[in-house]
Amino acid sequence: MCKILNLKKINSIIDLRQEVEMLEREIEKRKNNAYIKGVGTNVSKTNKINNPTLQYSLEELELPILIERLEKHKEKCLSEIVNLTNFILSIEDVYIRKICTLRYIYGVRNWSRIALEMGGGNTPDGVRMAHNRYFGTNKTKNK
């Protein structure tokens, strides 16, 4: 992995975690048939293919495919989280690694809280500027 990743990509780790949680809930609903009543129940005519003798709705037939796609996408997100986490943990500068660990791995978004966690008289502006210098950004570029 390159020394410096795009800051936007690193910021995506939090969104990826939220997406994984959403996918897990959706997969669980689908596996528990929260959307499907069962084979013997009256299924909506709109879900049936134009065949009155058909026993299964389109949703029932597509359910395994949908679950598989959701699980593949979840694995892709988890893989990206692992890659981003490995990048953060491989930062050689201990100070920057700690800032990034707090911000991106632990999800601490507030610079004041990060400064407090860092200890040693660090200020919110000091940790933010060190972070931005490492990633080659400044306040005007982030807007």
Protein backbone atom coordinates (compact mmCIF):
# COMPACT_ATOMS: atom_id res chain seq x y z
CA MET A 1 0.00 0.00 0.00
CA CYS A 2 1.31 3.48 -0.79
CA LYS A 3 2.77 5.61 1.99
CA ILE A 4 -0.01 8.17 1.89
CA LEU A 5 -3.55 7.20 0.99
CA ASN A 6 -6.13 9.68 -0.12
CA LEU A 7 -7.60 11.25 3.04
CA LYS A 8 -11.11 10.85 1.62
CA LYS A 9 -10.50 7.09 1.34
CA ILE A 10 -9.26 6.88 4.93
CA ASN A 11 -12.30 8.85 6.12
CA SER A 12 -14.49 6.22 4.45
CA ILE A 13 -13.61 3.66 7.16
CA ILE A 14 -16.40 5.02 9.38
CA ASP A 15 -18.95 4.89 6.54
CA LEU A 16 -17.82 1.36 5.71
CA ARG A 17 -18.43 0.24 9.31
CA GLN A 18 -21.92 1.72 9.22
CA GLU A 19 -22.57 0.02 5.89
CA VAL A 20 -21.45 -3.35 7.29
CA GLU A 21 -23.86 -2.95 10.24
CA MET A 22 -26.69 -2.08 7.83
CA LEU A 23 -25.88 -5.08 5.61
CA GLU A 24 -25.77 -7.42 8.61
CA ARG A 25 -29.25 -6.26 9.70
CA GLU A 26 -30.60 -6.66 6.15
CA ILE A 27 -29.08 -10.14 5.73
CA GLU A 28 -30.52 -11.22 9.07
CA LYS A 29 -33.99 -9.95 8.09
CA ARG A 30 -33.82 -11.79 4.79
CA LYS A 31 -32.57 -15.02 6.36
CA ASN A 32 -35.34 -14.89 8.95
CA ASN A 33 -37.88 -14.42 6.16
CA ALA A 34 -39.02 -11.10 7.56
CA TYR A 35 -40.13 -10.14 4.05
CA ILE A 36 -41.75 -13.44 3.11
CA LYS A 37 -44.67 -15.11 4.86
CA GLY A 38 -44.06 -18.66 3.67
CA VAL A 39 -44.91 -21.10 0.90
CA GLY A 40 -48.50 -21.85 1.91
CA THR A 41 -49.63 -18.26 2.42
CA ASN A 42 -51.47 -16.04 0.01
CA VAL A 43 -48.75 -14.16 -1.89
CA SER A 44 -49.58 -10.89 -3.61
CA LYS A 45 -50.58 -11.22 -7.25
CA THR A 46 -48.12 -8.48 -8.18
CA ASN A 47 -45.23 -10.68 -7.07
CA LYS A 48 -46.38 -13.69 -9.09
CA ILE A 49 -45.25 -14.34 -12.61
CA ASN A 50 -48.30 -14.50 -14.92
CA ASN A 51 -49.00 -18.10 -14.00
CA PRO A 52 -51.86 -18.86 -11.57
CA THR A 53 -50.41 -22.27 -10.64
CA LEU A 54 -47.05 -20.83 -9.52
CA GLN A 55 -46.49 -21.49 -5.82
CA TYR A 56 -43.58 -19.12 -5.20
CA SER A 57 -43.33 -15.34 -5.50
CA LEU A 58 -40.49 -13.65 -7.32
CA GLU A 59 -39.13 -12.54 -3.92
CA GLU A 60 -38.96 -16.15 -2.74
CA LEU A 61 -37.11 -17.24 -5.87
CA GLU A 62 -34.66 -14.33 -5.76
CA LEU A 63 -34.05 -14.43 -1.99
CA PRO A 64 -30.97 -16.72 -2.04
CA ILE A 65 -29.41 -14.63 -4.81
CA LEU A 66 -30.08 -11.40 -2.90
CA ILE A 67 -28.63 -12.81 0.33
CA GLU A 68 -25.54 -13.98 -1.53
CA ARG A 69 -25.04 -10.54 -3.10
CA LEU A 70 -25.48 -8.79 0.24
CA GLU A 71 -22.97 -11.14 1.88
CA LYS A 72 -20.43 -10.59 -0.94
CA HIS A 73 -20.79 -6.84 -0.62
CA LYS A 74 -20.38 -7.09 3.16
CA GLU A 75 -17.16 -9.10 2.68
CA LYS A 76 -15.89 -6.47 0.24
CA CYS A 77 -16.56 -3.73 2.82
CA LEU A 78 -14.86 -5.74 5.57
CA SER A 79 -11.84 -6.29 3.35
CA GLU A 80 -11.57 -2.56 2.71
CA ILE A 81 -11.84 -1.86 6.45
CA VAL A 82 -9.00 -4.32 7.09
CA ASN A 83 -6.85 -2.66 4.40
CA LEU A 84 -7.45 0.82 5.80
CA THR A 85 -6.84 -0.35 9.37
CA ASN A 86 -3.58 -2.01 8.30
CA PHE A 87 -2.50 1.21 6.61
CA ILE A 88 -3.21 3.23 9.76
CA LEU A 89 -1.39 0.73 11.96
CA SER A 90 1.60 0.77 9.62
CA ILE A 91 2.19 4.53 9.96
CA GLU A 92 5.73 4.81 11.29
CA ASP A 93 5.29 8.07 13.20
CA VAL A 94 3.88 7.00 16.58
CA TYR A 95 2.24 10.38 17.22
CA ILE A 96 0.42 10.40 13.87
CA ARG A 97 -0.47 6.71 14.19
CA LYS A 98 -2.08 7.40 17.57
CA ILE A 99 -4.05 10.37 16.18
CA CYS A 100 -5.25 8.28 13.22
CA THR A 101 -6.06 5.29 15.43
CA LEU A 102 -8.24 7.47 17.65
CA ARG A 103 -9.90 9.27 14.72
CA TYR A 104 -10.45 6.45 12.24
CA ILE A 105 -10.29 3.15 14.11
CA TYR A 106 -11.97 4.23 17.37
CA GLY A 107 -14.20 6.79 15.63
CA VAL A 108 -13.31 9.83 17.79
CA ARG A 109 -14.32 12.69 15.48
CA ASN A 110 -13.76 15.62 17.84
CA TRP A 111 -10.23 17.10 17.78
CA SER A 112 -10.62 18.26 21.41
CA ARG A 113 -11.34 14.71 22.51
CA ILE A 114 -8.40 13.38 20.47
CA ALA A 115 -6.09 15.98 22.07
CA LEU A 116 -7.35 14.98 25.51
CA GLU A 117 -6.80 11.27 24.78
CA MET A 118 -3.30 12.01 23.46
CA GLY A 119 -2.37 13.72 26.74
CA GLY A 120 0.89 15.60 27.18
CA GLY A 121 -0.60 19.07 26.82
CA ASN A 122 -1.72 18.54 23.22
CA THR A 123 -4.21 21.04 21.88
CA PRO A 124 -7.05 20.35 19.43
CA ASP A 125 -5.40 22.64 16.87
CA GLY A 126 -2.03 20.96 17.40
CA VAL A 127 -3.27 17.42 16.72
CA ARG A 128 -5.44 18.58 13.82
CA MET A 129 -2.54 20.43 12.19
CA ALA A 130 -0.16 17.48 12.70
CA HIS A 131 -2.77 15.21 11.09
CA ASN A 132 -3.31 17.59 8.18
CA ARG A 133 0.43 18.11 7.62
CA TYR A 134 0.97 14.35 7.50
CA PHE A 135 -1.73 13.94 4.87
CA GLY A 136 -0.66 17.06 3.01
CA THR A 137 -3.90 18.91 3.59
CA ASN A 138 -4.87 22.20 5.16
CA LYS A 139 -8.09 23.82 6.26
CA THR A 140 -8.88 25.36 2.89
CA LYS A 141 -8.33 22.07 1.03
CA ASN A 142 -10.70 20.16 3.33
CA LYS A 143 -13.66 22.45 2.61
